[in-house]
Amino acid sequence: MKKVEIKTQITVFDSINELPDLAKSLMNKAIEAKQKAYAPYSKFTVGAALLLENGKIIIGNNQENAAYPSGICAERVAIWKASSDFPDIKILKLAISASSSSQIVKEPVAPCGACRQTLSEYEIKQKDTIEVYFMGQEGKIIKTDSVLDLLPIAFDKSFL
């Protein structure tokens, strides 16, 4: 037996104003997308914006359903739309913003496990990293250089 230590590195920005211009613009698109989310049950809205290699920005937002498991997260809406419309174009960056109508979300909200798995599939498929920026409603923003920083021991097609 041996123990293996896995480390990940993140960058923390104190506010959206500290982001590089391109990331700031992308985060603003995620914030706009969040305004169109359909979250009548949880009152927790999420917006996502993807920057593609061709310069296109694809947005997504969470969509709930009374049959709760039938809803879908903003990140998966955006990445599946990107893959559907631009199947061979690389994804460079992803920005995510989340809010709640019951409280101010001040801490960065990372993608859920299902979204991490889905995002990692596309990162592995394109053989290139996707930068991920995520925030709450206000305050700090976390950046990872790769989806695999969020999911270091990923399940992929090599196991099938």
C-alpha atoms as a PDB file:
ATOM      1  CA  MET A   1       0.000   0.000   0.000  1.00  0.00           C
ATOM      2  CA  LYS A   2       1.074   3.550  -0.598  1.00  0.00           C
ATOM      3  CA  LYS A   3      -0.558   6.894  -0.086  1.00  0.00           C
ATOM      4  CA  VAL A   4      -0.691   9.307  -2.982  1.00  0.00           C
ATOM      5  CA  GLU A   5      -1.337  12.971  -2.428  1.00  0.00           C
ATOM      6  CA  ILE A   6      -3.346  14.808  -5.061  1.00  0.00           C
ATOM      7  CA  LYS A   7      -3.047  18.568  -5.126  1.00  0.00           C
ATOM      8  CA  THR A   8      -4.962  21.126  -7.083  1.00  0.00           C
ATOM      9  CA  GLN A   9      -4.264  24.784  -7.511  1.00  0.00           C
ATOM     10  CA  ILE A  10      -6.825  27.567  -7.741  1.00  0.00           C
ATOM     11  CA  THR A  11      -6.622  31.308  -8.241  1.00  0.00           C
ATOM     12  CA  VAL A  12      -8.881  33.461  -6.080  1.00  0.00           C
ATOM     13  CA  PHE A  13      -9.956  36.905  -7.231  1.00  0.00           C
ATOM     14  CA  ASP A  14     -11.509  39.260  -4.673  1.00  0.00           C
ATOM     15  CA  SER A  15     -14.096  40.606  -7.125  1.00  0.00           C
ATOM     16  CA  ILE A  16     -15.166  40.586 -10.742  1.00  0.00           C
ATOM     17  CA  ASN A  17     -13.153  43.781 -11.242  1.00  0.00           C
ATOM     18  CA  GLU A  18      -9.896  41.833 -10.717  1.00  0.00           C
ATOM     19  CA  LEU A  19     -10.601  39.427 -13.567  1.00  0.00           C
ATOM     20  CA  PRO A  20      -8.754  39.745 -16.871  1.00  0.00           C
ATOM     21  CA  ASP A  21     -10.954  41.574 -19.401  1.00  0.00           C
ATOM     22  CA  LEU A  22     -11.946  38.465 -21.351  1.00  0.00           C
ATOM     23  CA  ALA A  23     -12.900  36.556 -18.197  1.00  0.00           C
ATOM     24  CA  LYS A  24     -14.794  39.584 -16.856  1.00  0.00           C
ATOM     25  CA  SER A  25     -16.797  39.829 -20.080  1.00  0.00           C
ATOM     26  CA  LEU A  26     -17.560  36.107 -19.943  1.00  0.00           C
ATOM     27  CA  MET A  27     -18.635  36.322 -16.287  1.00  0.00           C
ATOM     28  CA  ASN A  28     -20.964  39.201 -17.147  1.00  0.00           C
ATOM     29  CA  LYS A  29     -22.556  36.960 -19.797  1.00  0.00           C
ATOM     30  CA  ALA A  30     -23.034  34.263 -17.130  1.00  0.00           C
ATOM     31  CA  ILE A  31     -24.664  36.837 -14.846  1.00  0.00           C
ATOM     32  CA  GLU A  32     -27.006  37.871 -17.695  1.00  0.00           C
ATOM     33  CA  ALA A  33     -27.839  34.234 -18.438  1.00  0.00           C
ATOM     34  CA  LYS A  34     -28.692  33.690 -14.777  1.00  0.00           C
ATOM     35  CA  GLN A  35     -31.472  36.276 -15.074  1.00  0.00           C
ATOM     36  CA  LYS A  36     -33.284  33.983 -17.527  1.00  0.00           C
ATOM     37  CA  ALA A  37     -33.050  30.822 -15.396  1.00  0.00           C
ATOM     38  CA  TYR A  38     -36.233  28.931 -14.545  1.00  0.00           C
ATOM     39  CA  ALA A  39     -35.984  28.083 -10.850  1.00  0.00           C
ATOM     40  CA  PRO A  40     -39.456  28.454  -9.302  1.00  0.00           C
ATOM     41  CA  TYR A  41     -38.854  25.694  -6.732  1.00  0.00           C
ATOM     42  CA  SER A  42     -35.356  26.215  -5.360  1.00  0.00           C
ATOM     43  CA  LYS A  43     -35.213  29.967  -6.091  1.00  0.00           C
ATOM     44  CA  PHE A  44     -31.512  29.255  -6.818  1.00  0.00           C
ATOM     45  CA  THR A  45     -30.527  30.587 -10.222  1.00  0.00           C
ATOM     46  CA  VAL A  46     -27.350  29.758 -12.096  1.00  0.00           C
ATOM     47  CA  GLY A  47     -25.947  31.156 -15.315  1.00  0.00           C
ATOM     48  CA  ALA A  48     -23.075  29.790 -17.371  1.00  0.00           C
ATOM     49  CA  ALA A  49     -21.170  31.188 -20.323  1.00  0.00           C
ATOM     50  CA  LEU A  50     -18.687  29.286 -22.481  1.00  0.00           C
ATOM     51  CA  LEU A  51     -16.086  30.887 -24.719  1.00  0.00           C
ATOM     52  CA  LEU A  52     -15.346  28.802 -27.789  1.00  0.00           C
ATOM     53  CA  GLU A  53     -12.153  28.804 -29.823  1.00  0.00           C
ATOM     54  CA  ASN A  54     -14.032  30.462 -32.720  1.00  0.00           C
ATOM     55  CA  GLY A  55     -14.910  33.434 -30.470  1.00  0.00           C
ATOM     56  CA  LYS A  56     -18.562  32.473 -29.980  1.00  0.00           C
ATOM     57  CA  ILE A  57     -20.059  32.687 -26.494  1.00  0.00           C
ATOM     58  CA  ILE A  58     -22.671  30.092 -25.587  1.00  0.00           C
ATOM     59  CA  ILE A  59     -24.856  30.672 -22.541  1.00  0.00           C
ATOM     60  CA  GLY A  60     -26.983  28.402 -20.401  1.00  0.00           C
ATOM     61  CA  ASN A  61     -29.049  28.636 -17.240  1.00  0.00           C
ATOM     62  CA  ASN A  62     -30.620  26.158 -14.887  1.00  0.00           C
ATOM     63  CA  GLN A  63     -34.076  24.849 -15.778  1.00  0.00           C
ATOM     64  CA  GLU A  64     -36.133  23.244 -13.013  1.00  0.00           C
ATOM     65  CA  ASN A  65     -39.138  20.981 -13.178  1.00  0.00           C
ATOM     66  CA  ALA A  66     -41.719  19.949 -10.587  1.00  0.00           C
ATOM     67  CA  ALA A  67     -40.343  16.420 -11.040  1.00  0.00           C
ATOM     68  CA  TYR A  68     -37.122  17.678  -9.422  1.00  0.00           C
ATOM     69  CA  PRO A  69     -34.601  15.252 -10.928  1.00  0.00           C
ATOM     70  CA  SER A  70     -35.835  16.238 -14.389  1.00  0.00           C
ATOM     71  CA  GLY A  71     -34.246  19.683 -14.189  1.00  0.00           C
ATOM     72  CA  ILE A  72     -30.875  20.531 -15.656  1.00  0.00           C
ATOM     73  CA  CYS A  73     -27.962  22.688 -14.568  1.00  0.00           C
ATOM     74  CA  ALA A  74     -26.743  25.783 -16.400  1.00  0.00           C
ATOM     75  CA  GLU A  75     -23.327  24.292 -17.154  1.00  0.00           C
ATOM     76  CA  ARG A  76     -24.791  21.265 -18.933  1.00  0.00           C
ATOM     77  CA  VAL A  77     -27.286  23.410 -20.864  1.00  0.00           C
ATOM     78  CA  ALA A  78     -24.386  25.524 -22.153  1.00  0.00           C
ATOM     79  CA  ILE A  79     -21.947  22.713 -22.941  1.00  0.00           C
ATOM     80  CA  TRP A  80     -24.524  20.554 -24.709  1.00  0.00           C
ATOM     81  CA  LYS A  81     -25.656  23.535 -26.777  1.00  0.00           C
ATOM     82  CA  ALA A  82     -22.029  24.280 -27.668  1.00  0.00           C
ATOM     83  CA  SER A  83     -21.445  20.660 -28.645  1.00  0.00           C
ATOM     84  CA  SER A  84     -24.683  20.538 -30.614  1.00  0.00           C
ATOM     85  CA  ASP A  85     -24.039  23.747 -32.560  1.00  0.00           C
ATOM     86  CA  PHE A  86     -20.221  23.570 -32.794  1.00  0.00           C
ATOM     87  CA  PRO A  87     -19.233  19.904 -32.321  1.00  0.00           C
ATOM     88  CA  ASP A  88     -15.611  20.272 -33.396  1.00  0.00           C
ATOM     89  CA  ILE A  89     -14.813  23.639 -31.820  1.00  0.00           C
ATOM     90  CA  LYS A  90     -12.778  23.700 -28.604  1.00  0.00           C
ATOM     91  CA  ILE A  91     -14.132  25.236 -25.418  1.00  0.00           C
ATOM     92  CA  LEU A  92     -11.607  27.642 -23.915  1.00  0.00           C
ATOM     93  CA  LYS A  93     -13.284  29.072 -20.813  1.00  0.00           C
ATOM     94  CA  LEU A  94     -16.380  28.641 -18.669  1.00  0.00           C
ATOM     95  CA  ALA A  95     -17.833  31.250 -16.307  1.00  0.00           C
ATOM     96  CA  ILE A  96     -20.517  30.420 -13.733  1.00  0.00           C
ATOM     97  CA  SER A  97     -22.547  32.705 -11.454  1.00  0.00           C
ATOM     98  CA  ALA A  98     -25.173  31.632  -8.900  1.00  0.00           C
ATOM     99  CA  SER A  99     -27.764  33.513  -6.814  1.00  0.00           C
ATOM    100  CA  SER A 100     -30.559  32.766  -4.393  1.00  0.00           C
ATOM    101  CA  SER A 101     -33.663  34.834  -3.761  1.00  0.00           C
ATOM    102  CA  SER A 102     -33.620  33.746  -0.097  1.00  0.00           C
ATOM    103  CA  GLN A 103     -30.086  34.948   0.743  1.00  0.00           C
ATOM    104  CA  ILE A 104     -27.097  36.683  -0.790  1.00  0.00           C
ATOM    105  CA  VAL A 105     -24.648  34.067  -2.061  1.00  0.00           C
ATOM    106  CA  LYS A 106     -21.224  35.471  -1.204  1.00  0.00           C
ATOM    107  CA  GLU A 107     -19.121  32.330  -1.665  1.00  0.00           C
ATOM    108  CA  PRO A 108     -18.154  30.921  -5.077  1.00  0.00           C
ATOM    109  CA  VAL A 109     -20.491  28.133  -6.192  1.00  0.00           C
ATOM    110  CA  ALA A 110     -18.628  25.313  -7.942  1.00  0.00           C
ATOM    111  CA  PRO A 111     -20.238  22.989 -10.501  1.00  0.00           C
ATOM    112  CA  CYS A 112     -22.099  20.000  -9.062  1.00  0.00           C
ATOM    113  CA  GLY A 113     -20.779  16.480  -9.516  1.00  0.00           C
ATOM    114  CA  ALA A 114     -22.896  15.721 -12.591  1.00  0.00           C
ATOM    115  CA  CYS A 115     -21.669  18.912 -14.258  1.00  0.00           C
ATOM    116  CA  ARG A 116     -18.048  18.180 -13.347  1.00  0.00           C
ATOM    117  CA  GLN A 117     -18.361  14.762 -14.964  1.00  0.00           C
ATOM    118  CA  THR A 118     -19.970  16.199 -18.099  1.00  0.00           C
ATOM    119  CA  LEU A 119     -17.451  19.036 -18.369  1.00  0.00           C
ATOM    120  CA  SER A 120     -14.539  16.636 -17.911  1.00  0.00           C
ATOM    121  CA  GLU A 121     -15.832  14.500 -20.797  1.00  0.00           C
ATOM    122  CA  TYR A 122     -15.568  17.472 -23.142  1.00  0.00           C
ATOM    123  CA  GLU A 123     -12.170  18.525 -21.822  1.00  0.00           C
ATOM    124  CA  ILE A 124     -10.841  15.000 -22.382  1.00  0.00           C
ATOM    125  CA  LYS A 125     -12.508  14.823 -25.812  1.00  0.00           C
ATOM    126  CA  GLN A 126     -10.908  18.044 -27.015  1.00  0.00           C
ATOM    127  CA  LYS A 127      -7.491  17.110 -25.541  1.00  0.00           C
ATOM    128  CA  ASP A 128      -7.124  20.607 -24.149  1.00  0.00           C
ATOM    129  CA  THR A 129      -7.978  22.260 -20.852  1.00  0.00           C
ATOM    130  CA  ILE A 130     -10.994  24.430 -20.107  1.00  0.00           C
ATOM    131  CA  GLU A 131     -10.467  27.285 -17.641  1.00  0.00           C
ATOM    132  CA  VAL A 132     -13.315  27.479 -15.131  1.00  0.00           C
ATOM    133  CA  TYR A 133     -14.310  30.657 -13.256  1.00  0.00           C
ATOM    134  CA  PHE A 134     -17.086  30.504 -10.662  1.00  0.00           C
ATOM    135  CA  MET A 135     -18.698  32.894  -8.225  1.00  0.00           C
ATOM    136  CA  GLY A 136     -21.775  33.413  -6.117  1.00  0.00           C
ATOM    137  CA  GLN A 137     -23.877  36.520  -6.413  1.00  0.00           C
ATOM    138  CA  GLU A 138     -21.036  38.767  -5.290  1.00  0.00           C
ATOM    139  CA  GLY A 139     -17.568  38.587  -3.820  1.00  0.00           C
ATOM    140  CA  LYS A 140     -14.725  36.214  -4.558  1.00  0.00           C
ATOM    141  CA  ILE A 141     -14.258  34.320  -7.790  1.00  0.00           C
ATOM    142  CA  ILE A 142     -12.349  31.065  -8.050  1.00  0.00           C
ATOM    143  CA  LYS A 143     -10.495  30.065 -11.211  1.00  0.00           C
ATOM    144  CA  THR A 144      -9.163  26.637 -12.074  1.00  0.00           C
ATOM    145  CA  ASP A 145      -6.913  26.031 -15.065  1.00  0.00           C
ATOM    146  CA  SER A 146      -8.722  22.815 -15.940  1.00  0.00           C
ATOM    147  CA  VAL A 147     -11.967  20.969 -15.236  1.00  0.00           C
ATOM    148  CA  LEU A 148      -9.798  18.102 -13.992  1.00  0.00           C
ATOM    149  CA  ASP A 149      -8.624  20.384 -11.165  1.00  0.00           C
ATOM    150  CA  LEU A 150     -12.223  20.058  -9.924  1.00  0.00           C
ATOM    151  CA  LEU A 151     -12.377  16.318 -10.623  1.00  0.00           C
ATOM    152  CA  PRO A 152      -8.833  14.968 -10.379  1.00  0.00           C
ATOM    153  CA  ILE A 153      -9.631  11.254 -10.624  1.00  0.00           C
ATOM    154  CA  ALA A 154     -12.096  11.347 -13.492  1.00  0.00           C
ATOM    155  CA  PHE A 155     -14.161   8.531 -14.973  1.00  0.00           C
ATOM    156  CA  ASP A 156     -13.887   8.479 -18.752  1.00  0.00           C
ATOM    157  CA  LYS A 157     -14.423   6.236 -21.782  1.00  0.00           C
ATOM    158  CA  SER A 158     -11.189   4.345 -21.124  1.00  0.00           C
ATOM    159  CA  PHE A 159     -13.022   2.427 -18.373  1.00  0.00           C
ATOM    160  CA  LEU A 160     -15.808   1.256 -20.681  1.00  0.00           C
END
